[in-house]
Amino acid sequence: MTYIPKTYDQIDQWNSLMFIYNSALKQMNVKIEVLNSEFVHIYNYNPIEHVKSRLKTPESIVKKLKRMGCEVNTFNMTEKLNDVAGVRIICSFTSDIYQIADMISRQADITVLYVKDYIKNPKPNGYKSYHMVVTIPVYLTEGPVETKVEIQIRTVAMDFWASLEHKMYYKLGGDAPEFLQKELKACADVVDMLDAKMYSLNEAILQWNAQEEKRKTENETASRTEGGEQPDGGALAGEAEASA
């Protein structure tokens, strides 16, 4: 991100940056909504349950920069932090996660800076999610400004665990005793099993529906044949014989 007039003071620069980050979130949300609608239109299936977006608060930005040992200024904010603007996509099944990530990464105006796959490589505490840091252009009067957005993609079950884990650690000041860490890890394992079981059930339902549709079609065809109806080819042949 480069288009911030240097003549601005720190407050003006800060406000301009937050405006750009907020604009990037709006554009990303629209893009995700369009992709999801297209998927529903083509496949009659909705891979996204819901989408959350947020801007980091000034307090969170300052704390994170200090924790990183960086001076608090707008330059470090844009260069050192990748999650000032964040989008969280909640989907039904693990398989949806990679499909959504692929749809986003194939957008011509989105550049993927890096990916962290905490699904294939969970954190030690059991945290699972798929993280992407991308840039998306925000079109201003002076031209486009490439702006970083962090995208997290996870299932409903993963989001349930992560949200509660975050709240618990916040109450404990970020330092949970060992026995609680073990319990949270055990819960993460249960969530993982739930995700796998729900995916298996969904696949079974899809297979059953396909078989039922096939059986229904076969029964309808058999009923028409028993009723004296002939396939189109036979009917045409009969008409040809009658004409002769």
C-alpha atoms as a PDB file:
ATOM      1  CA  MET A   1       0.000   0.000   0.000  1.00  0.00           C
ATOM      2  CA  THR A   2       1.649   3.219  -1.130  1.00  0.00           C
ATOM      3  CA  TYR A   3      -0.941   5.911  -1.851  1.00  0.00           C
ATOM      4  CA  ILE A   4      -1.044   7.963   1.360  1.00  0.00           C
ATOM      5  CA  PRO A   5       0.107  11.585   0.914  1.00  0.00           C
ATOM      6  CA  LYS A   6       3.195  12.169   3.062  1.00  0.00           C
ATOM      7  CA  THR A   7       1.993  15.704   3.778  1.00  0.00           C
ATOM      8  CA  TYR A   8      -0.766  14.221   5.933  1.00  0.00           C
ATOM      9  CA  ASP A   9      -0.132  14.126   9.666  1.00  0.00           C
ATOM     10  CA  GLN A  10      -0.311  10.786  11.526  1.00  0.00           C
ATOM     11  CA  ILE A  11      -4.025  11.143  12.315  1.00  0.00           C
ATOM     12  CA  ASP A  12      -4.930  11.904   8.699  1.00  0.00           C
ATOM     13  CA  GLN A  13      -2.764   9.032   7.501  1.00  0.00           C
ATOM     14  CA  TRP A  14      -4.392   6.710  10.031  1.00  0.00           C
ATOM     15  CA  ASN A  15      -7.910   7.719   8.969  1.00  0.00           C
ATOM     16  CA  SER A  16      -7.007   7.338   5.287  1.00  0.00           C
ATOM     17  CA  LEU A  17      -5.572   3.877   5.895  1.00  0.00           C
ATOM     18  CA  MET A  18      -8.624   2.711   7.821  1.00  0.00           C
ATOM     19  CA  PHE A  19     -10.843   4.010   5.016  1.00  0.00           C
ATOM     20  CA  ILE A  20      -8.824   1.984   2.481  1.00  0.00           C
ATOM     21  CA  TYR A  21      -8.867  -1.169   4.618  1.00  0.00           C
ATOM     22  CA  ASN A  22     -12.615  -0.808   5.116  1.00  0.00           C
ATOM     23  CA  SER A  23     -13.080  -0.370   1.352  1.00  0.00           C
ATOM     24  CA  ALA A  24     -11.021  -3.521   0.748  1.00  0.00           C
ATOM     25  CA  LEU A  25     -13.325  -5.438   3.096  1.00  0.00           C
ATOM     26  CA  LYS A  26     -16.391  -4.212   1.206  1.00  0.00           C
ATOM     27  CA  GLN A  27     -14.933  -5.310  -2.135  1.00  0.00           C
ATOM     28  CA  MET A  28     -13.904  -8.698  -0.757  1.00  0.00           C
ATOM     29  CA  ASN A  29     -17.348  -9.299   0.732  1.00  0.00           C
ATOM     30  CA  VAL A  30     -19.032  -8.505  -2.588  1.00  0.00           C
ATOM     31  CA  LYS A  31     -16.639 -10.791  -4.439  1.00  0.00           C
ATOM     32  CA  ILE A  32     -17.312 -13.677  -2.022  1.00  0.00           C
ATOM     33  CA  GLU A  33     -21.085 -13.119  -2.256  1.00  0.00           C
ATOM     34  CA  VAL A  34     -20.957 -13.222  -6.072  1.00  0.00           C
ATOM     35  CA  LEU A  35     -18.848 -16.397  -6.082  1.00  0.00           C
ATOM     36  CA  ASN A  36     -21.229 -18.090  -3.673  1.00  0.00           C
ATOM     37  CA  SER A  37     -24.297 -17.028  -5.701  1.00  0.00           C
ATOM     38  CA  GLU A  38     -22.695 -18.326  -8.886  1.00  0.00           C
ATOM     39  CA  PHE A  39     -22.010 -21.662  -7.201  1.00  0.00           C
ATOM     40  CA  VAL A  40     -25.649 -21.909  -6.122  1.00  0.00           C
ATOM     41  CA  HIS A  41     -26.790 -20.976  -9.649  1.00  0.00           C
ATOM     42  CA  ILE A  42     -24.620 -23.618 -11.345  1.00  0.00           C
ATOM     43  CA  TYR A  43     -24.590 -26.493  -8.834  1.00  0.00           C
ATOM     44  CA  ASN A  44     -27.668 -25.755  -6.699  1.00  0.00           C
ATOM     45  CA  TYR A  45     -25.449 -25.977  -3.629  1.00  0.00           C
ATOM     46  CA  ASN A  46     -24.455 -23.305  -1.116  1.00  0.00           C
ATOM     47  CA  PRO A  47     -20.883 -23.930   0.157  1.00  0.00           C
ATOM     48  CA  ILE A  48     -20.835 -20.860   2.449  1.00  0.00           C
ATOM     49  CA  GLU A  49     -22.910 -20.762   5.640  1.00  0.00           C
ATOM     50  CA  HIS A  50     -22.054 -17.154   6.492  1.00  0.00           C
ATOM     51  CA  VAL A  51     -19.303 -14.536   6.286  1.00  0.00           C
ATOM     52  CA  LYS A  52     -17.912 -12.290   9.011  1.00  0.00           C
ATOM     53  CA  SER A  53     -15.624  -9.324   8.469  1.00  0.00           C
ATOM     54  CA  ARG A  54     -13.885  -6.923  10.808  1.00  0.00           C
ATOM     55  CA  LEU A  55     -11.288  -4.164  11.063  1.00  0.00           C
ATOM     56  CA  LYS A  56      -8.771  -4.318  13.881  1.00  0.00           C
ATOM     57  CA  THR A  57      -9.381  -1.650  16.506  1.00  0.00           C
ATOM     58  CA  PRO A  58      -6.696   0.989  17.076  1.00  0.00           C
ATOM     59  CA  GLU A  59      -5.991  -0.599  20.473  1.00  0.00           C
ATOM     60  CA  SER A  60      -5.424  -4.035  18.912  1.00  0.00           C
ATOM     61  CA  ILE A  61      -3.144  -2.586  16.234  1.00  0.00           C
ATOM     62  CA  VAL A  62      -1.022  -0.742  18.794  1.00  0.00           C
ATOM     63  CA  LYS A  63      -0.776  -3.797  21.077  1.00  0.00           C
ATOM     64  CA  LYS A  64       0.260  -6.090  18.249  1.00  0.00           C
ATOM     65  CA  LEU A  65       2.928  -3.711  16.926  1.00  0.00           C
ATOM     66  CA  LYS A  66       4.377  -3.314  20.420  1.00  0.00           C
ATOM     67  CA  ARG A  67       4.294  -7.079  20.952  1.00  0.00           C
ATOM     68  CA  MET A  68       6.283  -7.430  17.712  1.00  0.00           C
ATOM     69  CA  GLY A  69       8.794  -4.869  18.941  1.00  0.00           C
ATOM     70  CA  CYS A  70       7.855  -2.367  16.237  1.00  0.00           C
ATOM     71  CA  GLU A  71       7.419   1.361  16.520  1.00  0.00           C
ATOM     72  CA  VAL A  72       3.777   2.370  16.340  1.00  0.00           C
ATOM     73  CA  ASN A  73       3.324   4.235  13.062  1.00  0.00           C
ATOM     74  CA  THR A  74       1.349   3.912   9.858  1.00  0.00           C
ATOM     75  CA  PHE A  75       4.296   2.489   7.890  1.00  0.00           C
ATOM     76  CA  ASN A  76       4.713  -0.472  10.252  1.00  0.00           C
ATOM     77  CA  MET A  77       0.969  -0.878  10.361  1.00  0.00           C
ATOM     78  CA  THR A  78       0.817  -1.524   6.609  1.00  0.00           C
ATOM     79  CA  GLU A  79       4.124  -3.376   6.245  1.00  0.00           C
ATOM     80  CA  LYS A  80       4.225  -5.548   9.384  1.00  0.00           C
ATOM     81  CA  LEU A  81       0.561  -6.381   9.947  1.00  0.00           C
ATOM     82  CA  ASN A  82      -1.399  -8.650   7.618  1.00  0.00           C
ATOM     83  CA  ASP A  83      -4.676  -8.833   9.512  1.00  0.00           C
ATOM     84  CA  VAL A  84      -5.822  -5.238   9.915  1.00  0.00           C
ATOM     85  CA  ALA A  85      -8.660  -6.177   7.584  1.00  0.00           C
ATOM     86  CA  GLY A  86     -10.021  -9.677   8.122  1.00  0.00           C
ATOM     87  CA  VAL A  87     -12.709 -11.872   6.574  1.00  0.00           C
ATOM     88  CA  ARG A  88     -13.885 -15.163   8.046  1.00  0.00           C
ATOM     89  CA  ILE A  89     -15.783 -17.571   5.806  1.00  0.00           C
ATOM     90  CA  ILE A  90     -17.771 -20.286   7.572  1.00  0.00           C
ATOM     91  CA  CYS A  91     -18.718 -23.313   5.484  1.00  0.00           C
ATOM     92  CA  SER A  92     -20.384 -26.668   6.048  1.00  0.00           C
ATOM     93  CA  PHE A  93     -17.692 -29.217   5.289  1.00  0.00           C
ATOM     94  CA  THR A  94     -13.904 -29.418   5.121  1.00  0.00           C
ATOM     95  CA  SER A  95     -14.066 -30.143   1.389  1.00  0.00           C
ATOM     96  CA  ASP A  96     -15.815 -26.780   0.894  1.00  0.00           C
ATOM     97  CA  ILE A  97     -12.839 -24.967   2.426  1.00  0.00           C
ATOM     98  CA  TYR A  98     -10.391 -25.875  -0.329  1.00  0.00           C
ATOM     99  CA  GLN A  99     -12.991 -25.265  -3.027  1.00  0.00           C
ATOM    100  CA  ILE A 100     -13.666 -21.756  -1.702  1.00  0.00           C
ATOM    101  CA  ALA A 101      -9.942 -21.019  -1.355  1.00  0.00           C
ATOM    102  CA  ASP A 102      -9.397 -22.093  -4.958  1.00  0.00           C
ATOM    103  CA  MET A 103     -12.257 -19.906  -6.217  1.00  0.00           C
ATOM    104  CA  ILE A 104     -10.796 -16.883  -4.442  1.00  0.00           C
ATOM    105  CA  SER A 105      -7.203 -17.473  -5.534  1.00  0.00           C
ATOM    106  CA  ARG A 106      -8.260 -17.754  -9.208  1.00  0.00           C
ATOM    107  CA  GLN A 107      -9.674 -14.211  -9.244  1.00  0.00           C
ATOM    108  CA  ALA A 108      -7.612 -12.095 -11.650  1.00  0.00           C
ATOM    109  CA  ASP A 109      -7.401  -9.064  -9.362  1.00  0.00           C
ATOM    110  CA  ILE A 110      -6.495 -10.987  -6.205  1.00  0.00           C
ATOM    111  CA  THR A 111      -2.877 -11.808  -5.374  1.00  0.00           C
ATOM    112  CA  VAL A 112      -2.231 -14.509  -2.782  1.00  0.00           C
ATOM    113  CA  LEU A 113       0.748 -13.496  -0.661  1.00  0.00           C
ATOM    114  CA  TYR A 114       0.875 -16.648   1.425  1.00  0.00           C
ATOM    115  CA  VAL A 115      -1.221 -19.474   2.848  1.00  0.00           C
ATOM    116  CA  LYS A 116      -1.192 -21.174   6.244  1.00  0.00           C
ATOM    117  CA  ASP A 117      -3.062 -24.467   6.245  1.00  0.00           C
ATOM    118  CA  TYR A 118      -3.875 -25.228   9.871  1.00  0.00           C
ATOM    119  CA  ILE A 119      -6.229 -27.998   8.748  1.00  0.00           C
ATOM    120  CA  LYS A 120      -3.512 -30.240   7.381  1.00  0.00           C
ATOM    121  CA  ASN A 121      -1.109 -28.893  10.009  1.00  0.00           C
ATOM    122  CA  PRO A 122      -3.136 -27.994  13.144  1.00  0.00           C
ATOM    123  CA  LYS A 123      -1.650 -25.842  15.877  1.00  0.00           C
ATOM    124  CA  PRO A 124      -0.499 -27.723  19.014  1.00  0.00           C
ATOM    125  CA  ASN A 125      -3.623 -26.592  20.902  1.00  0.00           C
ATOM    126  CA  GLY A 126      -5.852 -28.204  18.242  1.00  0.00           C
ATOM    127  CA  TYR A 127      -6.757 -25.034  16.315  1.00  0.00           C
ATOM    128  CA  LYS A 128      -7.816 -25.704  12.720  1.00  0.00           C
ATOM    129  CA  SER A 129      -8.506 -23.189   9.969  1.00  0.00           C
ATOM    130  CA  TYR A 130      -7.291 -22.246   6.494  1.00  0.00           C
ATOM    131  CA  HIS A 131      -5.625 -18.829   6.348  1.00  0.00           C
ATOM    132  CA  MET A 132      -4.890 -16.775   3.251  1.00  0.00           C
ATOM    133  CA  VAL A 133      -3.290 -13.338   3.126  1.00  0.00           C
ATOM    134  CA  VAL A 134      -4.168 -11.659  -0.155  1.00  0.00           C
ATOM    135  CA  THR A 135      -4.106  -8.232  -1.727  1.00  0.00           C
ATOM    136  CA  ILE A 136      -7.090  -6.715  -3.467  1.00  0.00           C
ATOM    137  CA  PRO A 137      -7.056  -3.384  -5.328  1.00  0.00           C
ATOM    138  CA  VAL A 138      -9.069  -0.509  -3.910  1.00  0.00           C
ATOM    139  CA  TYR A 139      -9.833   1.884  -6.755  1.00  0.00           C
ATOM    140  CA  LEU A 140      -9.401   5.528  -5.720  1.00  0.00           C
ATOM    141  CA  THR A 141      -9.368   8.705  -7.790  1.00  0.00           C
ATOM    142  CA  GLU A 142      -5.556   8.565  -7.925  1.00  0.00           C
ATOM    143  CA  GLY A 143      -5.561   4.926  -9.025  1.00  0.00           C
ATOM    144  CA  PRO A 144      -5.692   1.432  -7.456  1.00  0.00           C
ATOM    145  CA  VAL A 145      -4.195   0.735  -4.030  1.00  0.00           C
ATOM    146  CA  GLU A 146      -3.240  -2.895  -3.379  1.00  0.00           C
ATOM    147  CA  THR A 147      -4.526  -3.636   0.120  1.00  0.00           C
ATOM    148  CA  LYS A 148      -3.880  -6.660   2.324  1.00  0.00           C
ATOM    149  CA  VAL A 149      -6.766  -8.736   3.657  1.00  0.00           C
ATOM    150  CA  GLU A 150      -6.515 -11.860   5.783  1.00  0.00           C
ATOM    151  CA  ILE A 151      -9.070 -14.544   4.911  1.00  0.00           C
ATOM    152  CA  GLN A 152      -9.858 -17.362   7.339  1.00  0.00           C
ATOM    153  CA  ILE A 153     -11.923 -20.285   6.063  1.00  0.00           C
ATOM    154  CA  ARG A 154     -13.243 -22.905   8.470  1.00  0.00           C
ATOM    155  CA  THR A 155     -16.204 -25.190   9.100  1.00  0.00           C
ATOM    156  CA  VAL A 156     -19.041 -24.427  11.511  1.00  0.00           C
ATOM    157  CA  ALA A 157     -17.560 -26.913  13.993  1.00  0.00           C
ATOM    158  CA  MET A 158     -14.058 -25.411  13.733  1.00  0.00           C
ATOM    159  CA  ASP A 159     -15.471 -21.924  14.246  1.00  0.00           C
ATOM    160  CA  PHE A 160     -17.441 -23.059  17.301  1.00  0.00           C
ATOM    161  CA  TRP A 161     -14.286 -24.437  18.948  1.00  0.00           C
ATOM    162  CA  ALA A 162     -12.073 -21.482  17.976  1.00  0.00           C
ATOM    163  CA  SER A 163     -14.567 -18.884  19.230  1.00  0.00           C
ATOM    164  CA  LEU A 164     -15.000 -20.531  22.631  1.00  0.00           C
ATOM    165  CA  GLU A 165     -11.268 -21.216  22.964  1.00  0.00           C
ATOM    166  CA  HIS A 166     -10.557 -17.539  22.302  1.00  0.00           C
ATOM    167  CA  LYS A 167     -13.068 -16.413  24.929  1.00  0.00           C
ATOM    168  CA  MET A 168     -11.662 -18.816  27.529  1.00  0.00           C
ATOM    169  CA  TYR A 169      -8.079 -17.688  26.942  1.00  0.00           C
ATOM    170  CA  TYR A 170      -9.194 -14.055  27.118  1.00  0.00           C
ATOM    171  CA  LYS A 171     -10.765 -14.663  30.541  1.00  0.00           C
ATOM    172  CA  LEU A 172      -7.531 -16.313  31.694  1.00  0.00           C
ATOM    173  CA  GLY A 173      -5.377 -13.463  30.412  1.00  0.00           C
ATOM    174  CA  GLY A 174      -3.916 -15.644  27.645  1.00  0.00           C
ATOM    175  CA  ASP A 175      -2.299 -18.113  30.065  1.00  0.00           C
ATOM    176  CA  ALA A 176      -4.360 -21.264  30.555  1.00  0.00           C
ATOM    177  CA  PRO A 177      -3.228 -23.953  33.022  1.00  0.00           C
ATOM    178  CA  GLU A 178      -1.955 -27.194  31.527  1.00  0.00           C
ATOM    179  CA  PHE A 179      -5.013 -29.272  32.447  1.00  0.00           C
ATOM    180  CA  LEU A 180      -7.288 -26.820  30.593  1.00  0.00           C
ATOM    181  CA  GLN A 181      -5.022 -26.889  27.556  1.00  0.00           C
ATOM    182  CA  LYS A 182      -5.328 -30.681  27.478  1.00  0.00           C
ATOM    183  CA  GLU A 183      -9.117 -30.483  27.791  1.00  0.00           C
ATOM    184  CA  LEU A 184      -9.317 -27.945  24.953  1.00  0.00           C
ATOM    185  CA  LYS A 185      -7.126 -30.165  22.777  1.00  0.00           C
ATOM    186  CA  ALA A 186      -9.420 -33.120  23.552  1.00  0.00           C
ATOM    187  CA  CYS A 187     -12.419 -30.986  22.529  1.00  0.00           C
ATOM    188  CA  ALA A 188     -10.631 -30.073  19.281  1.00  0.00           C
ATOM    189  CA  ASP A 189     -10.217 -33.801  18.561  1.00  0.00           C
ATOM    190  CA  VAL A 190     -13.944 -34.333  19.143  1.00  0.00           C
ATOM    191  CA  VAL A 191     -14.733 -31.444  16.764  1.00  0.00           C
ATOM    192  CA  ASP A 192     -12.472 -33.047  14.157  1.00  0.00           C
ATOM    193  CA  MET A 193     -14.348 -36.344  14.482  1.00  0.00           C
ATOM    194  CA  LEU A 194     -17.675 -34.480  14.220  1.00  0.00           C
ATOM    195  CA  ASP A 195     -16.559 -32.770  10.998  1.00  0.00           C
ATOM    196  CA  ALA A 196     -15.523 -36.124   9.513  1.00  0.00           C
ATOM    197  CA  LYS A 197     -18.786 -37.799  10.587  1.00  0.00           C
ATOM    198  CA  MET A 198     -20.999 -35.023   9.205  1.00  0.00           C
ATOM    199  CA  TYR A 199     -19.099 -35.101   5.911  1.00  0.00           C
ATOM    200  CA  SER A 200     -19.580 -38.882   5.734  1.00  0.00           C
ATOM    201  CA  LEU A 201     -23.317 -38.533   6.435  1.00  0.00           C
ATOM    202  CA  ASN A 202     -23.665 -35.845   3.781  1.00  0.00           C
ATOM    203  CA  GLU A 203     -21.939 -38.060   1.212  1.00  0.00           C
ATOM    204  CA  ALA A 204     -24.267 -40.937   2.150  1.00  0.00           C
ATOM    205  CA  ILE A 205     -27.317 -38.678   1.718  1.00  0.00           C
ATOM    206  CA  LEU A 206     -26.132 -37.503  -1.692  1.00  0.00           C
ATOM    207  CA  GLN A 207     -25.547 -41.089  -2.788  1.00  0.00           C
ATOM    208  CA  TRP A 208     -28.961 -42.186  -1.499  1.00  0.00           C
ATOM    209  CA  ASN A 209     -30.687 -39.297  -3.316  1.00  0.00           C
ATOM    210  CA  ALA A 210     -28.900 -40.193  -6.551  1.00  0.00           C
ATOM    211  CA  GLN A 211     -30.017 -43.821  -6.221  1.00  0.00           C
ATOM    212  CA  GLU A 212     -33.591 -42.770  -5.468  1.00  0.00           C
ATOM    213  CA  GLU A 213     -33.644 -40.477  -8.491  1.00  0.00           C
ATOM    214  CA  LYS A 214     -32.331 -43.294 -10.672  1.00  0.00           C
ATOM    215  CA  ARG A 215     -34.915 -45.741  -9.275  1.00  0.00           C
ATOM    216  CA  LYS A 216     -37.719 -43.225  -9.836  1.00  0.00           C
ATOM    217  CA  THR A 217     -36.655 -42.694 -13.452  1.00  0.00           C
ATOM    218  CA  GLU A 218     -36.464 -46.450 -14.089  1.00  0.00           C
ATOM    219  CA  ASN A 219     -39.938 -46.991 -12.567  1.00  0.00           C
ATOM    220  CA  GLU A 220     -41.453 -44.218 -14.678  1.00  0.00           C
ATOM    221  CA  THR A 221     -39.892 -45.700 -17.815  1.00  0.00           C
ATOM    222  CA  ALA A 222     -41.182 -49.174 -16.916  1.00  0.00           C
ATOM    223  CA  SER A 223     -44.694 -47.808 -16.246  1.00  0.00           C
ATOM    224  CA  ARG A 224     -44.833 -46.110 -19.630  1.00  0.00           C
ATOM    225  CA  THR A 225     -43.688 -49.305 -21.371  1.00  0.00           C
ATOM    226  CA  GLU A 226     -46.308 -51.452 -19.576  1.00  0.00           C
ATOM    227  CA  GLY A 227     -48.961 -48.902 -20.485  1.00  0.00           C
ATOM    228  CA  GLY A 228     -48.292 -49.381 -24.173  1.00  0.00           C
ATOM    229  CA  GLU A 229     -46.176 -46.293 -24.628  1.00  0.00           C
ATOM    230  CA  GLN A 230     -43.142 -46.701 -26.838  1.00  0.00           C
ATOM    231  CA  PRO A 231     -39.886 -44.821 -26.733  1.00  0.00           C
ATOM    232  CA  ASP A 232     -39.619 -42.069 -29.320  1.00  0.00           C
ATOM    233  CA  GLY A 233     -37.594 -44.284 -31.652  1.00  0.00           C
ATOM    234  CA  GLY A 234     -40.243 -47.034 -31.601  1.00  0.00           C
ATOM    235  CA  ALA A 235     -43.041 -44.569 -32.170  1.00  0.00           C
ATOM    236  CA  LEU A 236     -41.309 -43.134 -35.194  1.00  0.00           C
ATOM    237  CA  ALA A 237     -40.702 -46.628 -36.557  1.00  0.00           C
ATOM    238  CA  GLY A 238     -44.414 -47.457 -36.132  1.00  0.00           C
ATOM    239  CA  GLU A 239     -45.401 -44.292 -37.928  1.00  0.00           C
ATOM    240  CA  ALA A 240     -43.064 -45.179 -40.801  1.00  0.00           C
ATOM    241  CA  GLU A 241     -44.619 -48.663 -41.110  1.00  0.00           C
ATOM    242  CA  ALA A 242     -48.131 -47.181 -41.112  1.00  0.00           C
ATOM    243  CA  SER A 243     -47.165 -44.766 -43.860  1.00  0.00           C
ATOM    244  CA  ALA A 244     -45.784 -47.625 -45.946  1.00  0.00           C
END
